[in-house]
Structure formats: structure tokens, C-alpha cells
C-alpha atoms as a PDB file:
ATOM      1  CA  MET A   1     -30.458  82.801 163.485  1.00  0.00           C
ATOM      2  CA  ARG A   2     -28.196  85.529 164.808  1.00  0.00           C
ATOM      3  CA  LEU A   3     -28.582  88.561 167.073  1.00  0.00           C
ATOM      4  CA  GLU A   4     -25.907  91.236 166.697  1.00  0.00           C
ATOM      5  CA  ALA A   5     -25.571  94.104 169.191  1.00  0.00           C
ATOM      6  CA  VAL A   6     -29.327  93.985 169.766  1.00  0.00           C
ATOM      7  CA  GLY A   7     -30.872  96.556 172.075  1.00  0.00           C
ATOM      8  CA  ARG A   8     -34.454  97.358 172.962  1.00  0.00           C
ATOM      9  CA  ARG A   9     -36.139 100.222 174.733  1.00  0.00           C
ATOM     10  CA  TYR A  10     -39.688 101.551 174.712  1.00  0.00           C
ATOM     11  CA  GLY A  11     -39.921 105.154 173.606  1.00  0.00           C
ATOM     12  CA  ALA A  12     -37.180 107.397 172.238  1.00  0.00           C
ATOM     13  CA  ARG A  13     -36.109 108.442 175.733  1.00  0.00           C
ATOM     14  CA  GLY A  14     -37.099 105.330 177.649  1.00  0.00           C
ATOM     15  CA  PRO A  15     -34.564 103.290 179.607  1.00  0.00           C
ATOM     16  CA  TRP A  16     -32.835 100.430 177.835  1.00  0.00           C
ATOM     17  CA  VAL A  17     -34.362  97.048 178.613  1.00  0.00           C
ATOM     18  CA  LEU A  18     -31.756  95.161 176.555  1.00  0.00           C
ATOM     19  CA  ARG A  19     -28.373  96.308 175.273  1.00  0.00           C
ATOM     20  CA  ASP A  20     -25.573  94.791 173.198  1.00  0.00           C
ATOM     21  CA  VAL A  21     -27.071  91.303 172.973  1.00  0.00           C
ATOM     22  CA  ASP A  22     -25.027  88.987 170.765  1.00  0.00           C
ATOM     23  CA  LEU A  23     -26.308  85.459 170.306  1.00  0.00           C
ATOM     24  CA  GLU A  24     -26.239  82.725 167.685  1.00  0.00           C
ATOM     25  CA  LEU A  25     -28.976  80.093 167.657  1.00  0.00           C
ATOM     26  CA  PRO A  26     -28.122  77.002 165.615  1.00  0.00           C
ATOM     27  CA  GLY A  27     -30.521  74.103 165.178  1.00  0.00           C
ATOM     28  CA  ARG A  28     -31.063  71.307 167.677  1.00  0.00           C
ATOM     29  CA  GLN A  29     -30.720  73.679 170.621  1.00  0.00           C
ATOM     30  CA  LEU A  30     -32.868  74.068 173.732  1.00  0.00           C
ATOM     31  CA  LEU A  31     -32.079  77.349 175.445  1.00  0.00           C
ATOM     32  CA  ARG A  32     -33.296  78.365 178.889  1.00  0.00           C
ATOM     33  CA  VAL A  33     -33.579  82.070 179.758  1.00  0.00           C
ATOM     34  CA  GLU A  34     -33.498  83.202 183.383  1.00  0.00           C
ATOM     35  CA  GLY A  35     -33.723  86.518 185.198  1.00  0.00           C
ATOM     36  CA  ALA A  36     -35.484  88.402 187.953  1.00  0.00           C
ATOM     37  CA  ASN A  37     -38.992  89.753 187.489  1.00  0.00           C
ATOM     38  CA  GLY A  38     -38.842  92.822 185.277  1.00  0.00           C
ATOM     39  CA  SER A  39     -35.313  92.059 184.080  1.00  0.00           C
ATOM     40  CA  GLY A  40     -36.302  91.923 180.405  1.00  0.00           C
ATOM     41  CA  LYS A  41     -36.819  88.196 179.812  1.00  0.00           C
ATOM     42  CA  SER A  42     -40.142  88.676 178.049  1.00  0.00           C
ATOM     43  CA  THR A  43     -38.751  91.539 175.978  1.00  0.00           C
ATOM     44  CA  PHE A  44     -35.875  89.318 174.876  1.00  0.00           C
ATOM     45  CA  LEU A  45     -38.278  86.538 173.865  1.00  0.00           C
ATOM     46  CA  ARG A  46     -40.475  88.988 171.963  1.00  0.00           C
ATOM     47  CA  VAL A  47     -37.447  90.211 170.011  1.00  0.00           C
ATOM     48  CA  LEU A  48     -36.465  86.596 169.274  1.00  0.00           C
ATOM     49  CA  ALA A  49     -39.959  85.822 168.038  1.00  0.00           C
ATOM     50  CA  GLY A  50     -40.163  88.954 165.899  1.00  0.00           C
ATOM     51  CA  ILE A  51     -43.018  90.446 167.932  1.00  0.00           C
ATOM     52  CA  ASP A  52     -40.833  93.414 168.938  1.00  0.00           C
ATOM     53  CA  ARG A  53     -38.297  95.060 166.653  1.00  0.00           C
ATOM     54  CA  PRO A  54     -34.887  95.804 168.116  1.00  0.00           C
ATOM     55  CA  THR A  55     -34.216  99.476 168.748  1.00  0.00           C
ATOM     56  CA  ALA A  56     -30.534  98.884 167.992  1.00  0.00           C
ATOM     57  CA  GLY A  57     -28.602  96.120 166.278  1.00  0.00           C
ATOM     58  CA  ARG A  58     -30.111  93.507 164.002  1.00  0.00           C
ATOM     59  CA  VAL A  59     -31.592  90.022 163.890  1.00  0.00           C
ATOM     60  CA  THR A  60     -30.827  87.871 160.836  1.00  0.00           C
ATOM     61  CA  GLY A  61     -31.772  84.407 159.673  1.00  0.00           C
ATOM     62  CA  ARG A  62     -34.995  84.091 161.667  1.00  0.00           C
ATOM     63  CA  PRO A  63     -36.603  80.763 160.682  1.00  0.00           C
ATOM     64  CA  ARG A  64     -40.286  79.862 160.757  1.00  0.00           C
ATOM     65  CA  THR A  65     -41.204  80.958 164.265  1.00  0.00           C
ATOM     66  CA  ALA A  66     -44.046  80.403 166.726  1.00  0.00           C
ATOM     67  CA  TYR A  67     -44.498  82.150 170.061  1.00  0.00           C
ATOM     68  CA  VAL A  68     -46.498  81.473 173.211  1.00  0.00           C
ATOM     69  CA  PRO A  69     -46.895  84.724 175.173  1.00  0.00           C
ATOM     70  CA  GLU A  70     -46.855  85.062 178.924  1.00  0.00           C
ATOM     71  CA  ARG A  71     -50.483  86.227 178.857  1.00  0.00           C
ATOM     72  CA  PHE A  72     -53.075  84.946 176.423  1.00  0.00           C
ATOM     73  CA  PRO A  73     -55.860  87.404 175.461  1.00  0.00           C
ATOM     74  CA  PRO A  74     -59.052  85.330 175.757  1.00  0.00           C
ATOM     75  CA  ALA A  75     -61.406  88.198 174.825  1.00  0.00           C
ATOM     76  CA  LEU A  76     -61.144  87.485 171.107  1.00  0.00           C
ATOM     77  CA  PRO A  77     -64.162  86.956 168.808  1.00  0.00           C
ATOM     78  CA  PHE A  78     -63.398  83.278 168.105  1.00  0.00           C
ATOM     79  CA  ASP A  79     -64.186  79.864 169.413  1.00  0.00           C
ATOM     80  CA  ALA A  80     -61.131  77.715 170.117  1.00  0.00           C
ATOM     81  CA  LEU A  81     -61.028  75.930 166.760  1.00  0.00           C
ATOM     82  CA  GLY A  82     -61.797  79.095 164.786  1.00  0.00           C
ATOM     83  CA  TYR A  83     -58.932  80.895 166.515  1.00  0.00           C
ATOM     84  CA  LEU A  84     -56.530  78.053 165.800  1.00  0.00           C
ATOM     85  CA  VAL A  85     -57.505  77.858 162.124  1.00  0.00           C
ATOM     86  CA  HIS A  86     -57.090  81.637 161.859  1.00  0.00           C
ATOM     87  CA  LEU A  87     -53.619  81.482 163.433  1.00  0.00           C
ATOM     88  CA  GLY A  88     -52.748  78.497 161.260  1.00  0.00           C
ATOM     89  CA  ARG A  89     -53.520  80.560 158.176  1.00  0.00           C
ATOM     90  CA  VAL A  90     -51.368  83.375 159.569  1.00  0.00           C
ATOM     91  CA  HIS A  91     -48.567  80.785 159.763  1.00  0.00           C
ATOM     92  CA  GLY A  92     -49.172  79.942 156.084  1.00  0.00           C
ATOM     93  CA  LEU A  93     -51.241  76.785 156.451  1.00  0.00           C
ATOM     94  CA  GLY A  94     -54.344  76.019 154.443  1.00  0.00           C
ATOM     95  CA  SER A  95     -57.620  76.013 156.366  1.00  0.00           C
ATOM     96  CA  ARG A  96     -58.073  72.241 156.154  1.00  0.00           C
ATOM     97  CA  THR A  97     -54.500  71.513 157.236  1.00  0.00           C
ATOM     98  CA  ALA A  98     -54.802  73.986 160.112  1.00  0.00           C
ATOM     99  CA  ALA A  99     -58.102  72.441 161.234  1.00  0.00           C
ATOM    100  CA  ASP A 100     -56.723  68.892 161.065  1.00  0.00           C
ATOM    101  CA  ARG A 101     -53.597  69.772 163.047  1.00  0.00           C
ATOM    102  CA  ALA A 102     -55.600  71.807 165.543  1.00  0.00           C
ATOM    103  CA  GLY A 103     -57.971  68.912 166.106  1.00  0.00           C
ATOM    104  CA  ARG A 104     -55.110  66.506 166.780  1.00  0.00           C
ATOM    105  CA  TRP A 105     -53.442  68.877 169.252  1.00  0.00           C
ATOM    106  CA  LEU A 106     -56.704  69.683 171.029  1.00  0.00           C
ATOM    107  CA  GLU A 107     -57.170  65.943 171.462  1.00  0.00           C
ATOM    108  CA  ARG A 108     -53.650  65.478 172.831  1.00  0.00           C
ATOM    109  CA  PHE A 109     -54.189  68.270 175.361  1.00  0.00           C
ATOM    110  CA  GLY A 110     -57.539  66.801 176.388  1.00  0.00           C
ATOM    111  CA  ILE A 111     -59.703  69.741 175.309  1.00  0.00           C
ATOM    112  CA  ALA A 112     -61.254  68.509 172.049  1.00  0.00           C
ATOM    113  CA  ALA A 113     -64.693  68.932 173.637  1.00  0.00           C
ATOM    114  CA  HIS A 114     -64.044  72.695 173.817  1.00  0.00           C
ATOM    115  CA  ALA A 115     -63.274  73.130 170.112  1.00  0.00           C
ATOM    116  CA  ARG A 116     -66.434  75.166 169.533  1.00  0.00           C
ATOM    117  CA  THR A 117     -66.432  76.976 172.887  1.00  0.00           C
ATOM    118  CA  PRO A 118     -65.902  80.762 172.644  1.00  0.00           C
ATOM    119  CA  LEU A 119     -62.497  81.747 174.016  1.00  0.00           C
ATOM    120  CA  ARG A 120     -64.076  84.104 176.554  1.00  0.00           C
ATOM    121  CA  GLU A 121     -65.928  81.158 178.130  1.00  0.00           C
ATOM    122  CA  LEU A 122     -62.862  78.954 178.578  1.00  0.00           C
ATOM    123  CA  SER A 123     -61.108  78.485 181.904  1.00  0.00           C
ATOM    124  CA  LYS A 124     -57.660  80.001 182.313  1.00  0.00           C
ATOM    125  CA  GLY A 125     -56.012  76.589 182.031  1.00  0.00           C
ATOM    126  CA  THR A 126     -57.917  75.679 178.867  1.00  0.00           C
ATOM    127  CA  CYS A 127     -57.086  79.062 177.345  1.00  0.00           C
ATOM    128  CA  GLN A 128     -53.428  78.383 178.045  1.00  0.00           C
ATOM    129  CA  LYS A 129     -53.680  75.051 176.237  1.00  0.00           C
ATOM    130  CA  VAL A 130     -55.168  76.821 173.224  1.00  0.00           C
ATOM    131  CA  ALA A 131     -52.298  79.332 173.340  1.00  0.00           C
ATOM    132  CA  VAL A 132     -49.798  76.476 173.266  1.00  0.00           C
ATOM    133  CA  VAL A 133     -51.612  74.648 170.458  1.00  0.00           C
ATOM    134  CA  GLN A 134     -51.551  77.728 168.187  1.00  0.00           C
ATOM    135  CA  ALA A 135     -47.754  77.602 168.310  1.00  0.00           C
ATOM    136  CA  LEU A 136     -47.350  73.851 167.917  1.00  0.00           C
ATOM    137  CA  LEU A 137     -49.664  73.425 164.937  1.00  0.00           C
ATOM    138  CA  ALA A 138     -47.290  75.606 162.897  1.00  0.00           C
ATOM    139  CA  GLU A 139     -44.510  72.988 163.338  1.00  0.00           C
ATOM    140  CA  PRO A 140     -42.041  75.857 163.845  1.00  0.00           C
ATOM    141  CA  GLU A 141     -38.296  75.777 163.381  1.00  0.00           C
ATOM    142  CA  LEU A 142     -37.984  78.238 166.270  1.00  0.00           C
ATOM    143  CA  LEU A 143     -40.346  77.770 169.222  1.00  0.00           C
ATOM    144  CA  VAL A 144     -40.383  80.611 171.775  1.00  0.00           C
ATOM    145  CA  LEU A 145     -42.148  79.923 175.072  1.00  0.00           C
ATOM    146  CA  ASP A 146     -42.740  82.566 177.749  1.00  0.00           C
ATOM    147  CA  GLU A 147     -43.950  80.777 180.907  1.00  0.00           C
ATOM    148  CA  ALA A 148     -45.998  78.500 178.636  1.00  0.00           C
ATOM    149  CA  TRP A 149     -46.364  75.792 181.315  1.00  0.00           C
ATOM    150  CA  THR A 150     -48.027  78.142 183.814  1.00  0.00           C
ATOM    151  CA  GLY A 151     -51.668  77.187 184.299  1.00  0.00           C
ATOM    152  CA  LEU A 152     -51.329  73.772 182.637  1.00  0.00           C
ATOM    153  CA  ASP A 153     -52.216  70.585 184.473  1.00  0.00           C
ATOM    154  CA  GLN A 154     -49.558  67.903 184.834  1.00  0.00           C
ATOM    155  CA  PRO A 155     -50.614  65.791 181.809  1.00  0.00           C
ATOM    156  CA  ALA A 156     -50.613  68.900 179.605  1.00  0.00           C
ATOM    157  CA  ARG A 157     -47.181  69.908 180.891  1.00  0.00           C
ATOM    158  CA  ALA A 158     -45.893  66.490 179.896  1.00  0.00           C
ATOM    159  CA  VAL A 159     -47.390  66.889 176.412  1.00  0.00           C
ATOM    160  CA  LEU A 160     -45.675  70.270 176.030  1.00  0.00           C
ATOM    161  CA  ASP A 161     -42.369  68.871 177.298  1.00  0.00           C
ATOM    162  CA  ASP A 162     -42.578  66.156 174.656  1.00  0.00           C
ATOM    163  CA  ALA A 163     -43.492  68.678 171.939  1.00  0.00           C
ATOM    164  CA  VAL A 164     -40.432  70.766 172.796  1.00  0.00           C
ATOM    165  CA  ARG A 165     -38.204  67.694 172.603  1.00  0.00           C
ATOM    166  CA  THR A 166     -39.771  66.768 169.258  1.00  0.00           C
ATOM    167  CA  THR A 167     -39.059  70.250 167.870  1.00  0.00           C
ATOM    168  CA  VAL A 168     -35.408  69.995 168.874  1.00  0.00           C
ATOM    169  CA  ALA A 169     -35.043  66.388 167.700  1.00  0.00           C
ATOM    170  CA  ALA A 170     -36.378  67.482 164.292  1.00  0.00           C
ATOM    171  CA  GLY A 171     -33.541  70.005 163.976  1.00  0.00           C
ATOM    172  CA  GLY A 172     -35.362  73.032 165.383  1.00  0.00           C
ATOM    173  CA  THR A 173     -34.579  75.398 168.232  1.00  0.00           C
ATOM    174  CA  ALA A 174     -36.629  76.103 171.353  1.00  0.00           C
ATOM    175  CA  VAL A 175     -36.109  79.001 173.755  1.00  0.00           C
ATOM    176  CA  PHE A 176     -38.087  79.135 176.975  1.00  0.00           C
ATOM    177  CA  VAL A 177     -38.651  80.890 180.276  1.00  0.00           C
ATOM    178  CA  ASP A 178     -40.135  78.932 183.162  1.00  0.00           C
ATOM    179  CA  HIS A 179     -40.164  79.471 186.911  1.00  0.00           C
ATOM    180  CA  ASP A 180     -39.379  75.782 187.562  1.00  0.00           C
ATOM    181  CA  ARG A 181     -35.615  75.303 187.236  1.00  0.00           C
ATOM    182  CA  ARG A 182     -36.173  71.569 186.777  1.00  0.00           C
ATOM    183  CA  ARG A 183     -38.149  72.142 183.575  1.00  0.00           C
ATOM    184  CA  LEU A 184     -36.440  70.169 180.786  1.00  0.00           C
ATOM    185  CA  ALA A 185     -33.202  70.284 182.776  1.00  0.00           C
ATOM    186  CA  GLY A 186     -31.953  67.042 181.287  1.00  0.00           C
ATOM    187  CA  ASP A 187     -32.552  68.315 177.747  1.00  0.00           C
ATOM    188  CA  THR A 188     -31.386  71.929 177.981  1.00  0.00           C
ATOM    189  CA  THR A 189     -28.278  72.631 175.908  1.00  0.00           C
ATOM    190  CA  GLY A 190     -27.638  76.203 177.050  1.00  0.00           C
ATOM    191  CA  ALA A 191     -28.788  78.842 179.500  1.00  0.00           C
ATOM    192  CA  HIS A 192     -28.572  82.634 179.731  1.00  0.00           C
ATOM    193  CA  ARG A 193     -29.591  85.178 182.317  1.00  0.00           C
ATOM    194  CA  VAL A 194     -30.942  88.643 181.548  1.00  0.00           C
ATOM    195  CA  GLU A 195     -29.169  90.922 184.007  1.00  0.00           C
ATOM    196  CA  ASP A 196     -28.564  94.693 183.920  1.00  0.00           C
ATOM    197  CA  THR A 197     -29.848  94.828 180.286  1.00  0.00           C
ATOM    198  CA  ARG A 198     -27.283  92.217 179.173  1.00  0.00           C
ATOM    199  CA  LEU A 199     -27.629  88.551 178.231  1.00  0.00           C
ATOM    200  CA  VAL A 200     -25.144  86.607 180.345  1.00  0.00           C
ATOM    201  CA  PRO A 201     -24.331  82.905 179.774  1.00  0.00           C
ATOM    202  CA  VAL A 202     -24.821  80.738 182.862  1.00  0.00           C
ATOM    203  CA  ALA A 203     -24.003  77.115 183.602  1.00  0.00           C
ATOM    204  CA  VAL A 204     -26.495  74.407 182.793  1.00  0.00           C
ATOM    205  CA  PRO A 205     -26.594  71.850 185.636  1.00  0.00           C
ATOM    206  CA  ARG A 206     -25.870  68.445 184.144  1.00  0.00           C
ATOM    207  CA  ALA A 207     -25.342  64.996 185.612  1.00  0.00           C
ATOM    208  CA  GLY A 208     -21.888  64.234 184.219  1.00  0.00           C
ATOM    209  CA  ASP A 209     -19.368  61.457 184.478  1.00  0.00           C
ATOM    210  CA  GLY A 210     -17.057  63.449 186.733  1.00  0.00           C
ATOM    211  CA  ASP A 211     -15.099  65.313 184.064  1.00  0.00           C
ATOM    212  CA  GLY A 212     -17.785  67.846 183.173  1.00  0.00           C
ATOM    213  CA  ALA A 213     -19.141  65.960 180.171  1.00  0.00           C
ATOM    214  CA  ALA A 214     -22.891  65.993 179.648  1.00  0.00           C
ATOM    215  CA  ASP A 215     -24.724  62.790 180.473  1.00  0.00           C
ATOM    216  CA  THR A 216     -27.140  61.836 177.715  1.00  0.00           C
ATOM    217  CA  GLY A 217     -28.507  58.972 179.796  1.00  0.00           C
ATOM    218  CA  PRO A 218     -29.254  55.528 178.334  1.00  0.00           C
ATOM    219  CA  LEU A 219     -29.189  55.152 174.565  1.00  0.00           C
ATOM    220  CA  VAL A 220     -31.433  53.185 172.244  1.00  0.00           C
ATOM    221  CA  VAL A 221     -31.106  52.068 168.639  1.00  0.00           C
ATOM    222  CA  VAL A 222     -34.109  52.727 166.412  1.00  0.00           C
ATOM    223  CA  GLU A 223     -34.366  50.746 163.169  1.00  0.00           C
ATOM    224  CA  ALA A 224     -36.981  51.629 160.566  1.00  0.00           C
ATOM    225  CA  VAL A 225     -37.753  50.989 156.898  1.00  0.00           C
ATOM    226  CA  GLY A 226     -39.400  53.509 154.613  1.00  0.00           C
ATOM    227  CA  ARG A 227     -39.465  55.117 151.202  1.00  0.00           C
ATOM    228  CA  GLY A 228     -37.594  58.282 150.343  1.00  0.00           C
ATOM    229  CA  ALA A 229     -35.483  60.409 152.666  1.00  0.00           C
ATOM    230  CA  PRO A 230     -35.987  60.199 156.436  1.00  0.00           C
ATOM    231  CA  PRO A 231     -37.817  63.112 158.113  1.00  0.00           C
ATOM    232  CA  ALA A 232     -35.668  66.242 158.227  1.00  0.00           C
ATOM    233  CA  GLY A 233     -33.294  66.456 161.164  1.00  0.00           C
ATOM    234  CA  LEU A 234     -33.217  62.775 162.102  1.00  0.00           C
ATOM    235  CA  GLY A 235     -30.085  61.852 160.185  1.00  0.00           C
ATOM    236  CA  HIS A 236     -29.419  59.448 157.327  1.00  0.00           C
ATOM    237  CA  GLY A 237     -28.036  56.333 158.997  1.00  0.00           C
ATOM    238  CA  THR A 238     -29.231  53.976 156.265  1.00  0.00           C
ATOM    239  CA  THR A 239     -27.605  50.607 155.682  1.00  0.00           C
ATOM    240  CA  ALA A 240     -27.042  48.732 152.436  1.00  0.00           C
ATOM    241  CA  THR A 241     -30.381  47.001 152.961  1.00  0.00           C
ATOM    242  CA  GLY A 242     -32.244  50.310 153.091  1.00  0.00           C
ATOM    243  CA  THR A 243     -32.820  50.193 156.849  1.00  0.00           C
ATOM    244  CA  LEU A 244     -32.553  53.458 158.765  1.00  0.00           C
ATOM    245  CA  ARG A 245     -30.581  52.935 161.979  1.00  0.00           C
ATOM    246  CA  LEU A 246     -30.358  55.768 164.527  1.00  0.00           C
ATOM    247  CA  THR A 247     -28.744  55.765 167.965  1.00  0.00           C
ATOM    248  CA  VAL A 248     -30.431  58.341 170.178  1.00  0.00           C
ATOM    249  CA  PRO A 249     -30.808  59.147 173.893  1.00  0.00           C
ATOM    250  CA  ALA A 250     -33.696  57.112 175.285  1.00  0.00           C
ATOM    251  CA  ARG A 251     -35.439  60.285 176.447  1.00  0.00           C
ATOM    252  CA  GLU A 252     -35.626  61.416 172.785  1.00  0.00           C
ATOM    253  CA  SER A 253     -36.815  58.089 171.391  1.00  0.00           C
ATOM    254  CA  ASP A 254     -40.549  58.863 171.644  1.00  0.00           C
ATOM    255  CA  ALA A 255     -40.046  62.083 169.663  1.00  0.00           C
ATOM    256  CA  VAL A 256     -37.980  60.247 167.014  1.00  0.00           C
ATOM    257  CA  LEU A 257     -40.555  57.467 166.689  1.00  0.00           C
ATOM    258  CA  ARG A 258     -43.379  59.999 166.366  1.00  0.00           C
ATOM    259  CA  ARG A 259     -41.513  61.786 163.564  1.00  0.00           C
ATOM    260  CA  LEU A 260     -41.042  58.514 161.687  1.00  0.00           C
ATOM    261  CA  LEU A 261     -44.639  57.355 162.169  1.00  0.00           C
ATOM    262  CA  ASP A 262     -46.081  60.765 161.223  1.00  0.00           C
ATOM    263  CA  ALA A 263     -44.056  60.959 158.001  1.00  0.00           C
ATOM    264  CA  ASP A 264     -45.871  60.796 154.652  1.00  0.00           C
ATOM    265  CA  PRO A 265     -45.648  57.915 153.882  1.00  0.00           C
ATOM    266  CA  PRO A 266     -44.976  56.627 157.417  1.00  0.00           C
ATOM    267  CA  TRP A 267     -41.886  54.593 158.214  1.00  0.00           C
ATOM    268  CA  HIS A 268     -42.194  51.033 159.514  1.00  0.00           C
ATOM    269  CA  ILE A 269     -40.446  50.590 162.871  1.00  0.00           C
ATOM    270  CA  ARG A 270     -38.520  47.305 162.842  1.00  0.00           C
ATOM    271  CA  ALA A 271     -36.767  47.477 166.205  1.00  0.00           C
ATOM    272  CA  VAL A 272     -36.089  49.625 169.254  1.00  0.00           C
ATOM    273  CA  ARG A 273     -33.364  48.175 171.428  1.00  0.00           C
ATOM    274  CA  PRO A 274     -30.873  49.326 174.078  1.00  0.00           C
ATOM    275  CA  ALA A 275     -27.476  50.569 172.877  1.00  0.00           C
ATOM    276  CA  ALA A 276     -24.217  51.736 174.357  1.00  0.00           C
ATOM    277  CA  GLY A 277     -21.881  54.538 173.411  1.00  0.00           C
ATOM    278  CA  PRO A 278     -22.465  57.991 171.954  1.00  0.00           C
ATOM    279  CA  PRO A 279     -25.257  58.686 169.446  1.00  0.00           C
ATOM    280  CA  GLU A 280     -24.364  57.828 165.847  1.00  0.00           C
ATOM    281  CA  ASP A 281     -26.899  59.784 163.801  1.00  0.00           C
ATOM    282  CA  ALA A 282     -29.138  61.629 166.256  1.00  0.00           C
END
């Protein structure tokens, strides 16, 4: 996905909120966006997600995209599950597939009991979980999150953190705004600040080895056996015996294992063991 000289303003004579934004978003990237209140962060995310059209410039190569807005409108004529199935169909899913995925995500976020509760009767935190689920059930290639963690309890924040890592590990891209600078700090691959209508690259704090190199942390080797090609984005480190062997950062191992176990047909995990050195096929 690529943004070229993108600008955005509201109204023909309104002030520019964004100007001359150039950005390329390859896969396997986790991008943090910063900026003061009112700087244009949300506008930038809406342009990324395709909710707002750029006033100037162009956006090309947008992949399958899902978006969690800063504010979720609960006054909609749906119960939680009905809303999720409706949004799943908007994303191109069949009703049964959307319902099955929605049910699994509602369970993971601990709100399965509210599946048939009207949105207007849900608490703010539960509404926020529903807003997050509508994006995740689409299994997007580009996940755009505008303060999506706000209002979530700690277990739900951990579930969302893991979902973001899974999206990136599967070859996708995630772009997020969050008030907590520690959010996904060890996983973030890039950061930009919206300042004076421009998108300015900023440093990503990393724990390095002293020479500025990023520290991936401990590594693990995952070995699995399955039929057909491995899930997209995980690599093809197969041996002569048909075993898939991947070396990945330990913090990504849960996401990799989930992708293998959720495949159709699922892969059989033979071993997960510590490794040393850089990733081979992550």
C-alpha cells in the first residue's frame, strides 16, 4: 500500500489537516502513530482505512482492511452478534462464517453471554470489545486501530495485543494510535508523528545490543508437520522429511502456533524449543 502526496481537509476552504504525506506500507509491519490532540492522527487513520478520501494525492494498493474507530456508535438497531454478522457480510464473509468467527472472538474477549444483548444496553467497555471484534473477524491484511485499547480491561487488552501480533506474523500490517507509549513497544517496527499537517518519522525505542540493532529477544524453533502449503506469511522452511521448521522470536511464537493449529487442515506441532541466532524463516 502506498500514499503519495496525500492531503486532507474538510470543506473546499477548510484548513489542511494533512498535507504531502508520502508513505509506503509493506507487509509484516507494525506502525505506531503519535501526535498531540487535534493534530490529525484520526484523520490520517481514516484515510489509511479508506473511510475518508484524500483531498489531494492518491492511495494505491490498499489491501483487505479493517478499522476500529476512536468512538463506537452503540445506538445501532442490532444486538452484538447481529451487528458482527452484518459487518462480517460487509467484509465479504458468508453469514455462517461471520457468525462462527464472531462467536469465537466474543468468547476470547469474555463477552459471549452478551451476544444477544442490544448494543444500546451494553456497557462502554463491552461496546469497545464488540468494536474490536468486528475488525478482527475479517482477518484483515491491514488493521487500523484508533485508540482501540481505551476502555478495555487488562485481559482484553492482552487479547488485542496478541491479535495484532498475529496479524503481523501472518504477513499483514497494523497501524495504531494509543496513549500508552509502552503499547506493543517491543513489536513496533516504525513510528511517525503527525505534526503541522505532516507525517514525520520518529525513532522507535528499542533495547539493542549497543550498536543500534533491534533486539528480537529470545528465539524459539517451531517444528510442525502438515499437508499442503503452510499458512500464508509464515515461511516455507520445510525439510526433506516434510517437517516445517521456523525460527521466530519467542514473543511471536503463540501467534505462529495459533496460525498453524487454526489452518485447514491443522498442522501437528512436533516441537517448540529454544534457539539462538537470527530468525530463519519468520
